[in-house]
All heavy atoms as atom14 arrays in JSON, in Angstrom:
{
  "sequence": "RTTLNIDDEVYIIAKHLAQTNNNSIGDTISELVRKGLDRELPKFEAE",
  "atom14_mask": [
    [1, 1, 1, 1, 1, 1, 1, 1, 1, 1, 1, 0, 0, 0],
    [1, 1, 1, 1, 1, 1, 1, 0, 0, 0, 0, 0, 0, 0],
    [1, 1, 1, 1, 1, 1, 1, 0, 0, 0, 0, 0, 0, 0],
    [1, 1, 1, 1, 1, 1, 1, 1, 0, 0, 0, 0, 0, 0],
    [1, 1, 1, 1, 1, 1, 1, 1, 0, 0, 0, 0, 0, 0],
    [1, 1, 1, 1, 1, 1, 1, 1, 0, 0, 0, 0, 0, 0],
    [1, 1, 1, 1, 1, 1, 1, 1, 0, 0, 0, 0, 0, 0],
    [1, 1, 1, 1, 1, 1, 1, 1, 0, 0, 0, 0, 0, 0],
    [1, 1, 1, 1, 1, 1, 1, 1, 1, 0, 0, 0, 0, 0],
    [1, 1, 1, 1, 1, 1, 1, 0, 0, 0, 0, 0, 0, 0],
    [1, 1, 1, 1, 1, 1, 1, 1, 1, 1, 1, 1, 0, 0],
    [1, 1, 1, 1, 1, 1, 1, 1, 0, 0, 0, 0, 0, 0],
    [1, 1, 1, 1, 1, 1, 1, 1, 0, 0, 0, 0, 0, 0],
    [1, 1, 1, 1, 1, 0, 0, 0, 0, 0, 0, 0, 0, 0],
    [1, 1, 1, 1, 1, 1, 1, 1, 1, 0, 0, 0, 0, 0],
    [1, 1, 1, 1, 1, 1, 1, 1, 1, 1, 0, 0, 0, 0],
    [1, 1, 1, 1, 1, 1, 1, 1, 0, 0, 0, 0, 0, 0],
    [1, 1, 1, 1, 1, 0, 0, 0, 0, 0, 0, 0, 0, 0],
    [1, 1, 1, 1, 1, 1, 1, 1, 1, 0, 0, 0, 0, 0],
    [1, 1, 1, 1, 1, 1, 1, 0, 0, 0, 0, 0, 0, 0],
    [1, 1, 1, 1, 1, 1, 1, 1, 0, 0, 0, 0, 0, 0],
    [1, 1, 1, 1, 1, 1, 1, 1, 0, 0, 0, 0, 0, 0],
    [1, 1, 1, 1, 1, 1, 1, 1, 0, 0, 0, 0, 0, 0],
    [1, 1, 1, 1, 1, 1, 0, 0, 0, 0, 0, 0, 0, 0],
    [1, 1, 1, 1, 1, 1, 1, 1, 0, 0, 0, 0, 0, 0],
    [1, 1, 1, 1, 0, 0, 0, 0, 0, 0, 0, 0, 0, 0],
    [1, 1, 1, 1, 1, 1, 1, 1, 0, 0, 0, 0, 0, 0],
    [1, 1, 1, 1, 1, 1, 1, 0, 0, 0, 0, 0, 0, 0],
    [1, 1, 1, 1, 1, 1, 1, 1, 0, 0, 0, 0, 0, 0],
    [1, 1, 1, 1, 1, 1, 0, 0, 0, 0, 0, 0, 0, 0],
    [1, 1, 1, 1, 1, 1, 1, 1, 1, 0, 0, 0, 0, 0],
    [1, 1, 1, 1, 1, 1, 1, 1, 0, 0, 0, 0, 0, 0],
    [1, 1, 1, 1, 1, 1, 1, 0, 0, 0, 0, 0, 0, 0],
    [1, 1, 1, 1, 1, 1, 1, 1, 1, 1, 1, 0, 0, 0],
    [1, 1, 1, 1, 1, 1, 1, 1, 1, 0, 0, 0, 0, 0],
    [1, 1, 1, 1, 0, 0, 0, 0, 0, 0, 0, 0, 0, 0],
    [1, 1, 1, 1, 1, 1, 1, 1, 0, 0, 0, 0, 0, 0],
    [1, 1, 1, 1, 1, 1, 1, 1, 0, 0, 0, 0, 0, 0],
    [1, 1, 1, 1, 1, 1, 1, 1, 1, 1, 1, 0, 0, 0],
    [1, 1, 1, 1, 1, 1, 1, 1, 1, 0, 0, 0, 0, 0],
    [1, 1, 1, 1, 1, 1, 1, 1, 0, 0, 0, 0, 0, 0],
    [1, 1, 1, 1, 1, 1, 1, 0, 0, 0, 0, 0, 0, 0],
    [1, 1, 1, 1, 1, 1, 1, 1, 1, 0, 0, 0, 0, 0],
    [1, 1, 1, 1, 1, 1, 1, 1, 1, 1, 1, 0, 0, 0],
    [1, 1, 1, 1, 1, 1, 1, 1, 1, 0, 0, 0, 0, 0],
    [1, 1, 1, 1, 1, 0, 0, 0, 0, 0, 0, 0, 0, 0],
    [1, 1, 1, 1, 1, 1, 1, 1, 1, 0, 0, 0, 0, 0]
  ],
  "atom14_positions": [
    [[-15.7, 0.35, 27.77], [-14.32, 0.71, 28.14], [-13.58, -0.5, 28.55], [-14.1, -1.3, 29.39], [-14.39, 1.73, 29.27], [-13.03, 2.37, 29.59], [-13.29, 3.37, 30.68], [-12.76, 4.7, 30.67], [-12.02, 5.34, 29.77], [-11.68, 4.76, 28.66], [-11.59, 6.58, 29.96], [0.0, 0.0, 0.0], [0.0, 0.0, 0.0], [0.0, 0.0, 0.0]],
    [[-12.37, -0.68, 28.08], [-11.54, -1.88, 28.36], [-10.1, -1.56, 28.2], [-9.79, -0.53, 27.63], [-11.91, -3.11, 27.57], [-11.28, -4.27, 28.08], [-11.55, -2.99, 26.1], [0.0, 0.0, 0.0], [0.0, 0.0, 0.0], [0.0, 0.0, 0.0], [0.0, 0.0, 0.0], [0.0, 0.0, 0.0], [0.0, 0.0, 0.0], [0.0, 0.0, 0.0]],
    [[-9.24, -2.36, 28.61], [-7.78, -2.23, 28.41], [-7.29, -3.28, 27.54], [-7.58, -4.49, 27.79], [-7.04, -2.25, 29.79], [-7.5, -1.28, 30.65], [-5.54, -2.14, 29.61], [0.0, 0.0, 0.0], [0.0, 0.0, 0.0], [0.0, 0.0, 0.0], [0.0, 0.0, 0.0], [0.0, 0.0, 0.0], [0.0, 0.0, 0.0], [0.0, 0.0, 0.0]],
    [[-6.51, -2.99, 26.62], [-5.94, -3.93, 25.59], [-4.43, -3.75, 25.53], [-3.92, -2.64, 25.6], [-6.48, -3.76, 24.18], [-8.0, -3.92, 24.02], [-8.35, -3.53, 22.59], [-8.38, -5.37, 24.21], [0.0, 0.0, 0.0], [0.0, 0.0, 0.0], [0.0, 0.0, 0.0], [0.0, 0.0, 0.0], [0.0, 0.0, 0.0], [0.0, 0.0, 0.0]],
    [[-3.74, -4.82, 25.37], [-2.28, -4.77, 25.07], [-2.18, -4.97, 23.56], [-2.58, -6.09, 23.03], [-1.55, -5.83, 25.79], [-1.51, -5.56, 27.26], [-1.37, -4.49, 27.73], [-1.65, -6.65, 28.09], [0.0, 0.0, 0.0], [0.0, 0.0, 0.0], [0.0, 0.0, 0.0], [0.0, 0.0, 0.0], [0.0, 0.0, 0.0], [0.0, 0.0, 0.0]],
    [[-1.63, -4.01, 22.85], [-1.52, -4.13, 21.4], [-0.06, -3.78, 21.05], [0.66, -3.19, 21.79], [-2.44, -3.2, 20.59], [-2.23, -1.73, 20.93], [-3.89, -3.58, 20.82], [-3.08, -0.77, 20.16], [0.0, 0.0, 0.0], [0.0, 0.0, 0.0], [0.0, 0.0, 0.0], [0.0, 0.0, 0.0], [0.0, 0.0, 0.0], [0.0, 0.0, 0.0]],
    [[0.39, -4.32, 19.95], [1.8, -4.0, 19.51], [1.98, -2.52, 19.3], [1.02, -1.73, 18.9], [2.08, -4.72, 18.16], [2.01, -6.22, 18.26], [2.25, -6.73, 19.4], [1.87, -6.9, 17.26], [0.0, 0.0, 0.0], [0.0, 0.0, 0.0], [0.0, 0.0, 0.0], [0.0, 0.0, 0.0], [0.0, 0.0, 0.0], [0.0, 0.0, 0.0]],
    [[3.24, -2.07, 19.56], [3.55, -0.66, 19.37], [3.19, -0.18, 17.94], [2.7, 0.93, 17.74], [5.01, -0.41, 19.69], [5.35, -0.57, 21.21], [4.35, -0.52, 21.99], [6.53, -0.73, 21.5], [0.0, 0.0, 0.0], [0.0, 0.0, 0.0], [0.0, 0.0, 0.0], [0.0, 0.0, 0.0], [0.0, 0.0, 0.0], [0.0, 0.0, 0.0]],
    [[3.58, -1.01, 16.98], [3.39, -0.74, 15.61], [1.88, -0.47, 15.3], [1.5, 0.42, 14.58], [3.98, -1.81, 14.71], [3.79, -1.52, 13.27], [4.37, -2.66, 12.38], [5.06, -3.47, 12.89], [4.02, -2.7, 11.21], [0.0, 0.0, 0.0], [0.0, 0.0, 0.0], [0.0, 0.0, 0.0], [0.0, 0.0, 0.0], [0.0, 0.0, 0.0]],
    [[1.05, -1.34, 15.85], [-0.42, -1.19, 15.64], [-0.89, 0.02, 16.24], [-1.68, 0.81, 15.65], [-1.13, -2.44, 16.27], [-2.66, -2.24, 16.19], [-0.75, -3.74, 15.57], [0.0, 0.0, 0.0], [0.0, 0.0, 0.0], [0.0, 0.0, 0.0], [0.0, 0.0, 0.0], [0.0, 0.0, 0.0], [0.0, 0.0, 0.0], [0.0, 0.0, 0.0]],
    [[-0.38, 0.39, 17.46], [-0.81, 1.58, 18.06], [-0.41, 2.87, 17.28], [-1.18, 3.79, 17.09], [-0.22, 1.74, 19.46], [-0.44, 3.06, 20.13], [-1.73, 3.3, 20.7], [0.52, 4.03, 20.17], [-1.97, 4.59, 21.29], [0.22, 5.3, 20.81], [-0.98, 5.52, 21.32], [-1.25, 6.75, 21.9], [0.0, 0.0, 0.0], [0.0, 0.0, 0.0]],
    [[0.81, 2.83, 16.77], [1.27, 4.01, 15.94], [0.46, 4.17, 14.73], [0.05, 5.24, 14.42], [2.76, 3.79, 15.65], [3.6, 3.95, 16.92], [3.22, 4.83, 14.56], [5.07, 3.51, 16.7], [0.0, 0.0, 0.0], [0.0, 0.0, 0.0], [0.0, 0.0, 0.0], [0.0, 0.0, 0.0], [0.0, 0.0, 0.0], [0.0, 0.0, 0.0]],
    [[0.15, 3.03, 14.04], [-0.7, 3.17, 12.79], [-2.15, 3.63, 13.13], [-2.65, 4.49, 12.49], [-0.68, 1.77, 12.08], [0.7, 1.44, 11.56], [-1.76, 1.75, 10.94], [0.83, 0.01, 11.05], [0.0, 0.0, 0.0], [0.0, 0.0, 0.0], [0.0, 0.0, 0.0], [0.0, 0.0, 0.0], [0.0, 0.0, 0.0], [0.0, 0.0, 0.0]],
    [[-2.68, 3.06, 14.23], [-4.08, 3.45, 14.59], [-4.07, 4.91, 15.03], [-5.01, 5.65, 14.64], [-4.54, 2.54, 15.76], [0.0, 0.0, 0.0], [0.0, 0.0, 0.0], [0.0, 0.0, 0.0], [0.0, 0.0, 0.0], [0.0, 0.0, 0.0], [0.0, 0.0, 0.0], [0.0, 0.0, 0.0], [0.0, 0.0, 0.0], [0.0, 0.0, 0.0]],
    [[-3.08, 5.37, 15.68], [-3.02, 6.78, 16.13], [-2.91, 7.72, 14.87], [-3.58, 8.72, 14.78], [-1.8, 7.02, 17.06], [-1.72, 8.37, 17.59], [-0.54, 8.52, 18.55], [-0.46, 9.93, 19.13], [0.71, 10.12, 20.01], [0.0, 0.0, 0.0], [0.0, 0.0, 0.0], [0.0, 0.0, 0.0], [0.0, 0.0, 0.0], [0.0, 0.0, 0.0]],
    [[-2.1, 7.28, 13.92], [-1.96, 8.07, 12.69], [-3.29, 8.05, 11.91], [-3.71, 9.17, 11.44], [-0.83, 7.5, 11.8], [-0.75, 8.12, 10.42], [-0.21, 9.37, 10.31], [-1.18, 7.7, 9.27], [-0.3, 9.68, 8.99], [-0.85, 8.68, 8.4], [0.0, 0.0, 0.0], [0.0, 0.0, 0.0], [0.0, 0.0, 0.0], [0.0, 0.0, 0.0]],
    [[-3.89, 6.95, 11.78], [-5.16, 6.85, 11.09], [-6.29, 7.74, 11.78], [-7.05, 8.45, 11.16], [-5.7, 5.45, 10.98], [-4.99, 4.55, 9.95], [-5.42, 3.15, 10.06], [-5.14, 5.05, 8.58], [0.0, 0.0, 0.0], [0.0, 0.0, 0.0], [0.0, 0.0, 0.0], [0.0, 0.0, 0.0], [0.0, 0.0, 0.0], [0.0, 0.0, 0.0]],
    [[-6.24, 7.7, 13.08], [-7.21, 8.45, 13.87], [-7.0, 9.94, 13.63], [-8.0, 10.73, 13.54], [-7.1, 8.11, 15.41], [0.0, 0.0, 0.0], [0.0, 0.0, 0.0], [0.0, 0.0, 0.0], [0.0, 0.0, 0.0], [0.0, 0.0, 0.0], [0.0, 0.0, 0.0], [0.0, 0.0, 0.0], [0.0, 0.0, 0.0], [0.0, 0.0, 0.0]],
    [[-5.8, 10.37, 13.74], [-5.49, 11.82, 13.48], [-5.83, 12.26, 12.07], [-6.4, 13.27, 11.89], [-4.03, 12.12, 13.79], [-3.7, 12.08, 15.26], [-2.17, 12.09, 15.53], [-1.33, 11.95, 14.6], [-1.79, 12.33, 16.81], [0.0, 0.0, 0.0], [0.0, 0.0, 0.0], [0.0, 0.0, 0.0], [0.0, 0.0, 0.0], [0.0, 0.0, 0.0]],
    [[-5.52, 11.41, 11.06], [-5.74, 11.68, 9.7], [-7.26, 11.84, 9.42], [-7.69, 12.68, 8.71], [-5.2, 10.57, 8.84], [-3.79, 10.48, 9.04], [-5.53, 10.86, 7.34], [0.0, 0.0, 0.0], [0.0, 0.0, 0.0], [0.0, 0.0, 0.0], [0.0, 0.0, 0.0], [0.0, 0.0, 0.0], [0.0, 0.0, 0.0], [0.0, 0.0, 0.0]],
    [[-8.04, 10.96, 10.08], [-9.51, 10.98, 9.87], [-10.25, 11.76, 10.98], [-11.5, 11.71, 10.97], [-10.04, 9.58, 9.84], [-9.5, 8.73, 8.71], [-9.42, 9.33, 7.61], [-9.12, 7.48, 8.93], [0.0, 0.0, 0.0], [0.0, 0.0, 0.0], [0.0, 0.0, 0.0], [0.0, 0.0, 0.0], [0.0, 0.0, 0.0], [0.0, 0.0, 0.0]],
    [[-9.51, 12.49, 11.76], [-10.15, 13.3, 12.86], [-11.09, 12.45, 13.7], [-12.25, 12.8, 13.9], [-10.84, 14.55, 12.25], [-11.1, 15.61, 13.31], [-10.41, 15.69, 14.29], [-12.19, 16.4, 13.07], [0.0, 0.0, 0.0], [0.0, 0.0, 0.0], [0.0, 0.0, 0.0], [0.0, 0.0, 0.0], [0.0, 0.0, 0.0], [0.0, 0.0, 0.0]],
    [[-10.56, 11.27, 14.15], [-11.34, 10.36, 14.87], [-10.54, 9.96, 16.11], [-9.37, 10.2, 16.28], [-11.56, 9.12, 13.99], [-12.88, 8.46, 14.18], [-13.58, 8.75, 15.16], [-13.16, 7.54, 13.28], [0.0, 0.0, 0.0], [0.0, 0.0, 0.0], [0.0, 0.0, 0.0], [0.0, 0.0, 0.0], [0.0, 0.0, 0.0], [0.0, 0.0, 0.0]],
    [[-11.23, 9.26, 17.09], [-10.47, 8.79, 18.28], [-9.78, 7.47, 17.94], [-10.13, 6.8, 16.96], [-11.47, 8.57, 19.41], [-12.27, 7.41, 19.17], [0.0, 0.0, 0.0], [0.0, 0.0, 0.0], [0.0, 0.0, 0.0], [0.0, 0.0, 0.0], [0.0, 0.0, 0.0], [0.0, 0.0, 0.0], [0.0, 0.0, 0.0], [0.0, 0.0, 0.0]],
    [[-8.74, 7.19, 18.73], [-8.07, 5.93, 18.53], [-9.0, 4.74, 18.76], [-9.01, 3.73, 17.98], [-6.82, 5.83, 19.45], [-5.83, 6.81, 19.01], [-6.21, 4.39, 19.37], [-4.61, 6.91, 19.98], [0.0, 0.0, 0.0], [0.0, 0.0, 0.0], [0.0, 0.0, 0.0], [0.0, 0.0, 0.0], [0.0, 0.0, 0.0], [0.0, 0.0, 0.0]],
    [[-9.86, 4.84, 19.78], [-10.82, 3.73, 20.08], [-11.79, 3.46, 18.84], [-12.0, 2.34, 18.51], [0.0, 0.0, 0.0], [0.0, 0.0, 0.0], [0.0, 0.0, 0.0], [0.0, 0.0, 0.0], [0.0, 0.0, 0.0], [0.0, 0.0, 0.0], [0.0, 0.0, 0.0], [0.0, 0.0, 0.0], [0.0, 0.0, 0.0], [0.0, 0.0, 0.0]],
    [[-12.3, 4.6, 18.39], [-13.24, 4.41, 17.21], [-12.48, 3.83, 15.97], [-12.99, 3.02, 15.24], [-13.86, 5.77, 16.82], [-14.93, 6.23, 17.8], [-15.36, 5.36, 18.6], [-15.28, 7.43, 17.81], [0.0, 0.0, 0.0], [0.0, 0.0, 0.0], [0.0, 0.0, 0.0], [0.0, 0.0, 0.0], [0.0, 0.0, 0.0], [0.0, 0.0, 0.0]],
    [[-11.24, 4.28, 15.76], [-10.43, 3.79, 14.61], [-10.18, 2.29, 14.78], [-10.3, 1.55, 13.84], [-9.09, 4.61, 14.57], [-9.45, 6.02, 14.39], [-8.28, 4.12, 13.43], [0.0, 0.0, 0.0], [0.0, 0.0, 0.0], [0.0, 0.0, 0.0], [0.0, 0.0, 0.0], [0.0, 0.0, 0.0], [0.0, 0.0, 0.0], [0.0, 0.0, 0.0]],
    [[-9.73, 1.87, 16.0], [-9.4, 0.45, 16.22], [-10.77, -0.34, 16.08], [-10.75, -1.44, 15.41], [-8.78, 0.24, 17.57], [-7.34, 0.83, 17.51], [-8.73, -1.25, 17.92], [-6.59, 0.78, 18.82], [0.0, 0.0, 0.0], [0.0, 0.0, 0.0], [0.0, 0.0, 0.0], [0.0, 0.0, 0.0], [0.0, 0.0, 0.0], [0.0, 0.0, 0.0]],
    [[-11.87, 0.16, 16.58], [-13.1, -0.54, 16.38], [-13.47, -0.72, 14.95], [-13.9, -1.82, 14.51], [-14.26, 0.18, 17.11], [-14.08, 0.19, 18.49], [0.0, 0.0, 0.0], [0.0, 0.0, 0.0], [0.0, 0.0, 0.0], [0.0, 0.0, 0.0], [0.0, 0.0, 0.0], [0.0, 0.0, 0.0], [0.0, 0.0, 0.0], [0.0, 0.0, 0.0]],
    [[-13.26, 0.29, 14.16], [-13.55, 0.2, 12.73], [-12.67, -0.77, 12.04], [-13.08, -1.54, 11.17], [-13.36, 1.61, 12.07], [-13.63, 1.64, 10.61], [-13.42, 3.04, 9.97], [-13.37, 4.03, 10.74], [-13.21, 3.13, 8.74], [0.0, 0.0, 0.0], [0.0, 0.0, 0.0], [0.0, 0.0, 0.0], [0.0, 0.0, 0.0], [0.0, 0.0, 0.0]],
    [[-11.38, -0.79, 12.36], [-10.42, -1.72, 11.76], [-10.75, -3.17, 12.14], [-10.76, -4.05, 11.27], [-8.96, -1.39, 12.2], [-8.46, -0.13, 11.64], [-7.1, 0.27, 12.35], [-8.22, -0.14, 10.17], [0.0, 0.0, 0.0], [0.0, 0.0, 0.0], [0.0, 0.0, 0.0], [0.0, 0.0, 0.0], [0.0, 0.0, 0.0], [0.0, 0.0, 0.0]],
    [[-11.16, -3.44, 13.35], [-11.52, -4.76, 13.77], [-12.78, -5.24, 13.04], [-12.9, -6.31, 12.52], [-11.74, -4.82, 15.37], [-12.4, -6.18, 15.78], [-10.47, -4.59, 16.02], [0.0, 0.0, 0.0], [0.0, 0.0, 0.0], [0.0, 0.0, 0.0], [0.0, 0.0, 0.0], [0.0, 0.0, 0.0], [0.0, 0.0, 0.0], [0.0, 0.0, 0.0]],
    [[-13.79, -4.28, 12.99], [-15.02, -4.58, 12.27], [-14.73, -5.0, 10.76], [-15.26, -5.99, 10.33], [-15.99, -3.45, 12.28], [-17.12, -3.58, 13.17], [-18.17, -2.5, 13.09], [-18.31, -1.92, 14.37], [-17.77, -0.8, 14.85], [-17.02, -0.04, 14.0], [-17.98, -0.38, 15.97], [0.0, 0.0, 0.0], [0.0, 0.0, 0.0], [0.0, 0.0, 0.0]],
    [[-13.89, -4.21, 10.16], [-13.51, -4.5, 8.7], [-12.83, -5.89, 8.65], [-13.14, -6.62, 7.72], [-12.54, -3.44, 8.18], [-13.22, -2.18, 7.83], [-12.28, -1.19, 7.35], [-12.92, 0.14, 6.94], [-11.96, 1.11, 6.39], [0.0, 0.0, 0.0], [0.0, 0.0, 0.0], [0.0, 0.0, 0.0], [0.0, 0.0, 0.0], [0.0, 0.0, 0.0]],
    [[-12.01, -6.19, 9.66], [-11.35, -7.46, 9.62], [-12.31, -8.65, 9.84], [-12.18, -9.71, 9.23], [0.0, 0.0, 0.0], [0.0, 0.0, 0.0], [0.0, 0.0, 0.0], [0.0, 0.0, 0.0], [0.0, 0.0, 0.0], [0.0, 0.0, 0.0], [0.0, 0.0, 0.0], [0.0, 0.0, 0.0], [0.0, 0.0, 0.0], [0.0, 0.0, 0.0]],
    [[-13.31, -8.43, 10.68], [-14.3, -9.46, 10.95], [-15.21, -9.64, 9.86], [-15.82, -10.69, 9.58], [-15.09, -9.12, 12.31], [-14.17, -9.21, 13.58], [-15.06, -8.7, 14.75], [-13.67, -10.62, 13.84], [0.0, 0.0, 0.0], [0.0, 0.0, 0.0], [0.0, 0.0, 0.0], [0.0, 0.0, 0.0], [0.0, 0.0, 0.0], [0.0, 0.0, 0.0]],
    [[-15.59, -8.59, 9.15], [-16.59, -8.59, 8.04], [-15.93, -9.21, 6.76], [-16.67, -9.59, 5.86], [-17.08, -7.14, 7.68], [-18.01, -6.68, 8.74], [-18.49, -7.54, 9.55], [-18.27, -5.46, 8.78], [0.0, 0.0, 0.0], [0.0, 0.0, 0.0], [0.0, 0.0, 0.0], [0.0, 0.0, 0.0], [0.0, 0.0, 0.0], [0.0, 0.0, 0.0]],
    [[-14.72, -9.25, 6.68], [-13.99, -9.7, 5.49], [-14.34, -11.2, 5.31], [-14.14, -12.04, 6.25], [-12.53, -9.52, 5.66], [-11.66, -9.95, 4.39], [-10.28, -9.61, 4.69], [-9.73, -10.49, 5.71], [-8.74, -11.36, 5.49], [-8.21, -11.43, 4.33], [-8.33, -12.14, 6.49], [0.0, 0.0, 0.0], [0.0, 0.0, 0.0], [0.0, 0.0, 0.0]],
    [[-14.73, -11.58, 4.14], [-15.05, -12.94, 3.83], [-13.8, -13.66, 3.42], [-13.06, -13.22, 2.57], [-16.08, -13.08, 2.76], [-16.65, -14.42, 2.6], [-17.81, -14.5, 1.69], [-18.62, -13.66, 1.74], [-17.85, -15.46, 0.96], [0.0, 0.0, 0.0], [0.0, 0.0, 0.0], [0.0, 0.0, 0.0], [0.0, 0.0, 0.0], [0.0, 0.0, 0.0]],
    [[-13.5, -14.78, 4.1], [-12.4, -15.6, 3.79], [-12.54, -16.32, 2.47], [-13.75, -16.84, 2.24], [-12.08, -16.62, 4.88], [-11.59, -15.99, 6.18], [-11.45, -17.11, 7.27], [-10.25, -15.3, 6.03], [0.0, 0.0, 0.0], [0.0, 0.0, 0.0], [0.0, 0.0, 0.0], [0.0, 0.0, 0.0], [0.0, 0.0, 0.0], [0.0, 0.0, 0.0]],
    [[-11.6, -16.45, 1.62], [-11.79, -17.18, 0.46], [-12.0, -18.65, 0.75], [-11.48, -19.2, 1.71], [-10.43, -17.05, -0.32], [-9.47, -16.64, 0.65], [-10.25, -15.91, 1.79], [0.0, 0.0, 0.0], [0.0, 0.0, 0.0], [0.0, 0.0, 0.0], [0.0, 0.0, 0.0], [0.0, 0.0, 0.0], [0.0, 0.0, 0.0], [0.0, 0.0, 0.0]],
    [[-12.84, -19.28, -0.09], [-13.18, -20.69, 0.17], [-12.71, -21.5, -1.06], [-12.97, -21.17, -2.16], [-14.65, -20.86, 0.39], [-15.12, -20.25, 1.7], [-16.6, -20.35, 1.92], [-17.05, -19.6, 3.1], [-18.51, -19.54, 3.28], [0.0, 0.0, 0.0], [0.0, 0.0, 0.0], [0.0, 0.0, 0.0], [0.0, 0.0, 0.0], [0.0, 0.0, 0.0]],
    [[-12.23, -22.65, -0.81], [-11.77, -23.5, -1.84], [-12.45, -24.83, -1.69], [-12.72, -25.24, -0.59], [-10.22, -23.77, -1.78], [-9.4, -22.48, -1.82], [-8.98, -21.88, -0.62], [-9.11, -21.86, -3.06], [-8.26, -20.66, -0.67], [-8.38, -20.73, -3.1], [-8.03, -20.14, -1.89], [0.0, 0.0, 0.0], [0.0, 0.0, 0.0], [0.0, 0.0, 0.0]],
    [[-12.77, -25.51, -2.78], [-13.43, -26.78, -2.76], [-12.37, -27.93, -3.0], [-11.56, -27.78, -3.88], [-14.53, -26.86, -3.78], [-15.67, -25.84, -3.59], [-16.56, -26.18, -2.35], [-16.69, -27.4, -2.04], [-16.96, -25.2, -1.7], [0.0, 0.0, 0.0], [0.0, 0.0, 0.0], [0.0, 0.0, 0.0], [0.0, 0.0, 0.0], [0.0, 0.0, 0.0]],
    [[-12.45, -28.95, -2.21], [-11.62, -30.09, -2.41], [-12.56, -31.31, -2.33], [-13.09, -31.64, -1.28], [-10.54, -30.18, -1.35], [0.0, 0.0, 0.0], [0.0, 0.0, 0.0], [0.0, 0.0, 0.0], [0.0, 0.0, 0.0], [0.0, 0.0, 0.0], [0.0, 0.0, 0.0], [0.0, 0.0, 0.0], [0.0, 0.0, 0.0], [0.0, 0.0, 0.0]],
    [[-12.79, -31.87, -3.49], [-13.68, -33.02, -3.61], [-15.12, -32.59, -3.1], [-15.71, -31.82, -3.7], [-13.14, -34.24, -2.9], [-11.72, -34.53, -3.41], [-11.44, -36.02, -3.53], [-12.4, -36.79, -3.3], [-10.29, -36.31, -3.77], [0.0, 0.0, 0.0], [0.0, 0.0, 0.0], [0.0, 0.0, 0.0], [0.0, 0.0, 0.0], [0.0, 0.0, 0.0]]
  ]
}
């Protein structure tokens, strides 16, 4: 349990996703953060 300050827009989207998926906002935000952290950044080679 923690307190976060997030943008209003992020909260509205997370709340909508949570309601759509019949999930809590906390679980929804956790899932979105995990997806963001798991995403592999593209790598480019220079020399």
